[in-house]
Amino acid sequence: MIQIWTAMITILVLKYLKEISKYKWYLSNLVAFIRLNLFVKIDLQKWLDEPFIKPEKRPPKTVT
């Protein structure tokens, strides 16, 4: 019985995180990405809003 309650609470929390994020997550993708990043120290709200890091533009190399 406790496993059912734990699963229901987990799904409720994940759906809440999905709704507050700016990025349009599918619930299955959100669960998979949270599993991958479970032990990574990151700001959760910032990661939910922008999960993929955009590469910085580097200046072109000059040959001397």
PDB file of N, CA and C in Angstrom:
ATOM      1  N   MET A   1       0.823  -1.200   0.000  1.00  0.00           N
ATOM      2  CA  MET A   1       0.000   0.000   0.000  1.00  0.00           C
ATOM      3  C   MET A   1       0.866   1.262   0.000  1.00  0.00           C
ATOM      4  N   ILE A   2       1.983   1.210   0.744  1.00  0.00           N
ATOM      5  CA  ILE A   2       2.834   2.395   0.811  1.00  0.00           C
ATOM      6  C   ILE A   2       3.504   2.677  -0.519  1.00  0.00           C
ATOM      7  N   GLN A   3       3.766   1.623  -1.321  1.00  0.00           N
ATOM      8  CA  GLN A   3       4.380   1.820  -2.631  1.00  0.00           C
ATOM      9  C   GLN A   3       3.439   2.570  -3.563  1.00  0.00           C
ATOM     10  N   ILE A   4       2.171   2.317  -3.467  1.00  0.00           N
ATOM     11  CA  ILE A   4       1.193   3.020  -4.310  1.00  0.00           C
ATOM     12  C   ILE A   4       1.168   4.499  -3.956  1.00  0.00           C
ATOM     13  N   TRP A   5       1.147   4.823  -2.659  1.00  0.00           N
ATOM     14  CA  TRP A   5       1.142   6.223  -2.231  1.00  0.00           C
ATOM     15  C   TRP A   5       2.425   6.928  -2.645  1.00  0.00           C
ATOM     16  N   THR A   6       3.556   6.233  -2.517  1.00  0.00           N
ATOM     17  CA  THR A   6       4.832   6.828  -2.913  1.00  0.00           C
ATOM     18  C   THR A   6       4.841   7.123  -4.406  1.00  0.00           C
ATOM     19  N   ALA A   7       4.366   6.196  -5.215  1.00  0.00           N
ATOM     20  CA  ALA A   7       4.305   6.404  -6.668  1.00  0.00           C
ATOM     21  C   ALA A   7       3.366   7.561  -7.017  1.00  0.00           C
ATOM     22  N   MET A   8       2.232   7.641  -6.358  1.00  0.00           N
ATOM     23  CA  MET A   8       1.273   8.713  -6.644  1.00  0.00           C
ATOM     24  C   MET A   8       1.847  10.085  -6.277  1.00  0.00           C
ATOM     25  N   ILE A   9       2.517  10.170  -5.144  1.00  0.00           N
ATOM     26  CA  ILE A   9       3.127  11.439  -4.726  1.00  0.00           C
ATOM     27  C   ILE A   9       4.241  11.826  -5.687  1.00  0.00           C
ATOM     28  N   THR A  10       5.030  10.845  -6.122  1.00  0.00           N
ATOM     29  CA  THR A  10       6.115  11.118  -7.071  1.00  0.00           C
ATOM     30  C   THR A  10       5.569  11.648  -8.384  1.00  0.00           C
ATOM     31  N   ILE A  11       4.530  11.036  -8.895  1.00  0.00           N
ATOM     32  CA  ILE A  11       3.924  11.500 -10.148  1.00  0.00           C
ATOM     33  C   ILE A  11       3.351  12.905  -9.979  1.00  0.00           C
ATOM     34  N   LEU A  12       2.741  13.170  -8.840  1.00  0.00           N
ATOM     35  CA  LEU A  12       2.198  14.500  -8.574  1.00  0.00           C
ATOM     36  C   LEU A  12       3.304  15.554  -8.559  1.00  0.00           C
ATOM     37  N   VAL A  13       4.421  15.272  -7.919  1.00  0.00           N
ATOM     38  CA  VAL A  13       5.547  16.215  -7.867  1.00  0.00           C
ATOM     39  C   VAL A  13       6.123  16.424  -9.268  1.00  0.00           C
ATOM     40  N   LEU A  14       6.277  15.348 -10.028  1.00  0.00           N
ATOM     41  CA  LEU A  14       6.824  15.477 -11.382  1.00  0.00           C
ATOM     42  C   LEU A  14       5.899  16.276 -12.292  1.00  0.00           C
ATOM     43  N   LYS A  15       4.604  16.077 -12.168  1.00  0.00           N
ATOM     44  CA  LYS A  15       3.659  16.859 -12.973  1.00  0.00           C
ATOM     45  C   LYS A  15       3.697  18.336 -12.581  1.00  0.00           C
ATOM     46  N   TYR A  16       3.898  18.615 -11.294  1.00  0.00           N
ATOM     47  CA  TYR A  16       4.022  20.001 -10.843  1.00  0.00           C
ATOM     48  C   TYR A  16       5.284  20.635 -11.439  1.00  0.00           C
ATOM     49  N   LEU A  17       6.402  19.913 -11.399  1.00  0.00           N
ATOM     50  CA  LEU A  17       7.639  20.434 -11.982  1.00  0.00           C
ATOM     51  C   LEU A  17       7.482  20.681 -13.472  1.00  0.00           C
ATOM     52  N   LYS A  18       6.771  19.806 -14.143  1.00  0.00           N
ATOM     53  CA  LYS A  18       6.516  19.954 -15.581  1.00  0.00           C
ATOM     54  C   LYS A  18       5.716  21.228 -15.857  1.00  0.00           C
ATOM     55  N   GLU A  19       4.732  21.498 -15.027  1.00  0.00           N
ATOM     56  CA  GLU A  19       3.871  22.668 -15.233  1.00  0.00           C
ATOM     57  C   GLU A  19       4.577  23.989 -14.942  1.00  0.00           C
ATOM     58  N   ILE A  20       5.500  24.024 -13.982  1.00  0.00           N
ATOM     59  CA  ILE A  20       6.147  25.293 -13.639  1.00  0.00           C
ATOM     60  C   ILE A  20       7.340  25.609 -14.532  1.00  0.00           C
ATOM     61  N   SER A  21       7.799  24.636 -15.316  1.00  0.00           N
ATOM     62  CA  SER A  21       8.965  24.888 -16.162  1.00  0.00           C
ATOM     63  C   SER A  21       8.557  25.639 -17.424  1.00  0.00           C
ATOM     64  N   LYS A  22       9.499  26.406 -17.944  1.00  0.00           N
ATOM     65  CA  LYS A  22       9.255  27.150 -19.179  1.00  0.00           C
ATOM     66  C   LYS A  22       9.481  26.269 -20.402  1.00  0.00           C
ATOM     67  N   TYR A  23      10.360  25.291 -20.276  1.00  0.00           N
ATOM     68  CA  TYR A  23      10.622  24.343 -21.356  1.00  0.00           C
ATOM     69  C   TYR A  23       9.444  23.379 -21.432  1.00  0.00           C
ATOM     70  N   LYS A  24       9.019  23.054 -22.622  1.00  0.00           N
ATOM     71  CA  LYS A  24       7.867  22.152 -22.790  1.00  0.00           C
ATOM     72  C   LYS A  24       8.315  20.693 -22.713  1.00  0.00           C
ATOM     73  N   TRP A  25       8.245  20.131 -21.513  1.00  0.00           N
ATOM     74  CA  TRP A  25       8.658  18.756 -21.264  1.00  0.00           C
ATOM     75  C   TRP A  25       7.518  17.786 -21.527  1.00  0.00           C
ATOM     76  N   TYR A  26       7.877  16.595 -21.993  1.00  0.00           N
ATOM     77  CA  TYR A  26       6.978  15.449 -21.918  1.00  0.00           C
ATOM     78  C   TYR A  26       7.315  14.773 -20.597  1.00  0.00           C
ATOM     79  N   LEU A  27       6.329  14.230 -19.922  1.00  0.00           N
ATOM     80  CA  LEU A  27       6.556  13.655 -18.605  1.00  0.00           C
ATOM     81  C   LEU A  27       7.585  12.523 -18.648  1.00  0.00           C
ATOM     82  N   SER A  28       7.538  11.697 -19.660  1.00  0.00           N
ATOM     83  CA  SER A  28       8.494  10.585 -19.760  1.00  0.00           C
ATOM     84  C   SER A  28       9.922  11.093 -19.944  1.00  0.00           C
ATOM     85  N   ASN A  29      10.092  12.154 -20.733  1.00  0.00           N
ATOM     86  CA  ASN A  29      11.422  12.732 -20.923  1.00  0.00           C
ATOM     87  C   ASN A  29      11.924  13.385 -19.646  1.00  0.00           C
ATOM     88  N   LEU A  30      11.040  14.058 -18.939  1.00  0.00           N
ATOM     89  CA  LEU A  30      11.421  14.690 -17.677  1.00  0.00           C
ATOM     90  C   LEU A  30      11.890  13.644 -16.677  1.00  0.00           C
ATOM     91  N   VAL A  31      11.183  12.542 -16.575  1.00  0.00           N
ATOM     92  CA  VAL A  31      11.570  11.467 -15.658  1.00  0.00           C
ATOM     93  C   VAL A  31      12.934  10.909 -16.048  1.00  0.00           C
ATOM     94  N   ALA A  32      13.151  10.680 -17.331  1.00  0.00           N
ATOM     95  CA  ALA A  32      14.428  10.131 -17.784  1.00  0.00           C
ATOM     96  C   ALA A  32      15.582  11.091 -17.508  1.00  0.00           C
ATOM     97  N   PHE A  33      15.386  12.376 -17.770  1.00  0.00           N
ATOM     98  CA  PHE A  33      16.451  13.344 -17.548  1.00  0.00           C
ATOM     99  C   PHE A  33      16.715  13.552 -16.061  1.00  0.00           C
ATOM    100  N   ILE A  34      15.697  13.511 -15.238  1.00  0.00           N
ATOM    101  CA  ILE A  34      15.914  13.625 -13.790  1.00  0.00           C
ATOM    102  C   ILE A  34      16.690  12.419 -13.281  1.00  0.00           C
ATOM    103  N   ARG A  35      16.389  11.228 -13.815  1.00  0.00           N
ATOM    104  CA  ARG A  35      17.165  10.039 -13.442  1.00  0.00           C
ATOM    105  C   ARG A  35      18.630  10.205 -13.794  1.00  0.00           C
ATOM    106  N   LEU A  36      18.915  10.771 -14.970  1.00  0.00           N
ATOM    107  CA  LEU A  36      20.297  10.970 -15.387  1.00  0.00           C
ATOM    108  C   LEU A  36      21.016  12.009 -14.536  1.00  0.00           C
ATOM    109  N   ASN A  37      20.303  13.025 -14.086  1.00  0.00           N
ATOM    110  CA  ASN A  37      20.910  14.133 -13.347  1.00  0.00           C
ATOM    111  C   ASN A  37      20.612  14.087 -11.851  1.00  0.00           C
ATOM    112  N   LEU A  38      20.289  12.929 -11.347  1.00  0.00           N
ATOM    113  CA  LEU A  38      19.852  12.819  -9.959  1.00  0.00           C
ATOM    114  C   LEU A  38      20.913  13.276  -8.962  1.00  0.00           C
ATOM    115  N   PHE A  39      22.164  12.946  -9.203  1.00  0.00           N
ATOM    116  CA  PHE A  39      23.220  13.275  -8.252  1.00  0.00           C
ATOM    117  C   PHE A  39      24.088  14.433  -8.719  1.00  0.00           C
ATOM    118  N   VAL A  40      23.579  15.251  -9.622  1.00  0.00           N
ATOM    119  CA  VAL A  40      24.297  16.424 -10.111  1.00  0.00           C
ATOM    120  C   VAL A  40      23.797  17.636  -9.347  1.00  0.00           C
ATOM    121  N   LYS A  41      24.736  18.430  -8.860  1.00  0.00           N
ATOM    122  CA  LYS A  41      24.353  19.623  -8.096  1.00  0.00           C
ATOM    123  C   LYS A  41      24.072  20.774  -9.067  1.00  0.00           C
ATOM    124  N   ILE A  42      22.778  21.028  -9.301  1.00  0.00           N
ATOM    125  CA  ILE A  42      22.355  22.088 -10.207  1.00  0.00           C
ATOM    126  C   ILE A  42      21.157  22.803  -9.599  1.00  0.00           C
ATOM    127  N   ASP A  43      20.888  23.994 -10.104  1.00  0.00           N
ATOM    128  CA  ASP A  43      19.686  24.723  -9.717  1.00  0.00           C
ATOM    129  C   ASP A  43      18.511  24.129 -10.498  1.00  0.00           C
ATOM    130  N   LEU A  44      17.588  23.494  -9.804  1.00  0.00           N
ATOM    131  CA  LEU A  44      16.522  22.738 -10.457  1.00  0.00           C
ATOM    132  C   LEU A  44      15.644  23.621 -11.335  1.00  0.00           C
ATOM    133  N   GLN A  45      15.238  24.776 -10.845  1.00  0.00           N
ATOM    134  CA  GLN A  45      14.357  25.644 -11.640  1.00  0.00           C
ATOM    135  C   GLN A  45      15.055  26.130 -12.893  1.00  0.00           C
ATOM    136  N   LYS A  46      16.321  26.495 -12.775  1.00  0.00           N
ATOM    137  CA  LYS A  46      17.077  26.961 -13.941  1.00  0.00           C
ATOM    138  C   LYS A  46      17.229  25.833 -14.958  1.00  0.00           C
ATOM    139  N   TRP A  47      17.502  24.616 -14.479  1.00  0.00           N
ATOM    140  CA  TRP A  47      17.653  23.471 -15.377  1.00  0.00           C
ATOM    141  C   TRP A  47      16.322  23.101 -16.035  1.00  0.00           C
ATOM    142  N   LEU A  48      15.220  23.187 -15.295  1.00  0.00           N
ATOM    143  CA  LEU A  48      13.913  22.883 -15.877  1.00  0.00           C
ATOM    144  C   LEU A  48      13.557  23.858 -16.994  1.00  0.00           C
ATOM    145  N   ASP A  49      13.927  25.128 -16.813  1.00  0.00           N
ATOM    146  CA  ASP A  49      13.610  26.149 -17.809  1.00  0.00           C
ATOM    147  C   ASP A  49      14.500  26.051 -19.042  1.00  0.00           C
ATOM    148  N   GLU A  50      15.765  25.684 -18.841  1.00  0.00           N
ATOM    149  CA  GLU A  50      16.713  25.599 -19.958  1.00  0.00           C
ATOM    150  C   GLU A  50      17.623  24.393 -19.752  1.00  0.00           C
ATOM    151  N   PRO A  51      17.168  23.202 -20.154  1.00  0.00           N
ATOM    152  CA  PRO A  51      17.915  21.977 -19.851  1.00  0.00           C
ATOM    153  C   PRO A  51      19.160  21.770 -20.705  1.00  0.00           C
ATOM    154  N   PHE A  52      19.218  22.386 -21.864  1.00  0.00           N
ATOM    155  CA  PHE A  52      20.350  22.170 -22.759  1.00  0.00           C
ATOM    156  C   PHE A  52      21.214  23.415 -22.800  1.00  0.00           C
ATOM    157  N   ILE A  53      22.496  23.241 -22.562  1.00  0.00           N
ATOM    158  CA  ILE A  53      23.436  24.360 -22.545  1.00  0.00           C
ATOM    159  C   ILE A  53      23.768  24.748 -23.981  1.00  0.00           C
ATOM    160  N   LYS A  54      23.648  26.026 -24.241  1.00  0.00           N
ATOM    161  CA  LYS A  54      23.988  26.519 -25.567  1.00  0.00           C
ATOM    162  C   LYS A  54      25.489  26.792 -25.616  1.00  0.00           C
ATOM    163  N   PRO A  55      26.170  26.343 -26.663  1.00  0.00           N
ATOM    164  CA  PRO A  55      27.616  26.576 -26.730  1.00  0.00           C
ATOM    165  C   PRO A  55      27.921  28.057 -26.927  1.00  0.00           C
ATOM    166  N   GLU A  56      28.997  28.481 -26.288  1.00  0.00           N
ATOM    167  CA  GLU A  56      29.403  29.877 -26.421  1.00  0.00           C
ATOM    168  C   GLU A  56      30.109  30.071 -27.751  1.00  0.00           C
ATOM    169  N   LYS A  57      29.924  31.243 -28.326  1.00  0.00           N
ATOM    170  CA  LYS A  57      30.608  31.541 -29.581  1.00  0.00           C
ATOM    171  C   LYS A  57      32.031  31.970 -29.257  1.00  0.00           C
ATOM    172  N   ARG A  58      32.977  31.294 -29.884  1.00  0.00           N
ATOM    173  CA  ARG A  58      34.377  31.623 -29.672  1.00  0.00           C
ATOM    174  C   ARG A  58      34.849  32.525 -30.820  1.00  0.00           C
ATOM    175  N   PRO A  59      35.758  33.436 -30.499  1.00  0.00           N
ATOM    176  CA  PRO A  59      36.303  34.250 -31.596  1.00  0.00           C
ATOM    177  C   PRO A  59      37.174  33.384 -32.498  1.00  0.00           C
ATOM    178  N   PRO A  60      37.237  33.723 -33.776  1.00  0.00           N
ATOM    179  CA  PRO A  60      38.059  32.903 -34.685  1.00  0.00           C
ATOM    180  C   PRO A  60      39.541  32.957 -34.283  1.00  0.00           C
ATOM    181  N   LYS A  61      40.222  31.835 -34.496  1.00  0.00           N
ATOM    182  CA  LYS A  61      41.636  31.780 -34.186  1.00  0.00           C
ATOM    183  C   LYS A  61      42.430  32.546 -35.234  1.00  0.00           C
ATOM    184  N   THR A  62      43.425  33.249 -34.761  1.00  0.00           N
ATOM    185  CA  THR A  62      44.293  33.965 -35.688  1.00  0.00           C
ATOM    186  C   THR A  62      45.629  33.252 -35.770  1.00  0.00           C
ATOM    187  N   VAL A  63      46.135  33.134 -36.957  1.00  0.00           N
ATOM    188  CA  VAL A  63      47.419  32.473 -37.174  1.00  0.00           C
ATOM    189  C   VAL A  63      48.498  33.536 -37.142  1.00  0.00           C
ATOM    190  N   THR A  64      49.496  33.331 -36.324  1.00  0.00           N
ATOM    191  CA  THR A  64      50.589  34.311 -36.257  1.00  0.00           C
ATOM    192  C   THR A  64      51.860  33.754 -36.802  1.00  0.00           C
TER     193      THR A  64
END
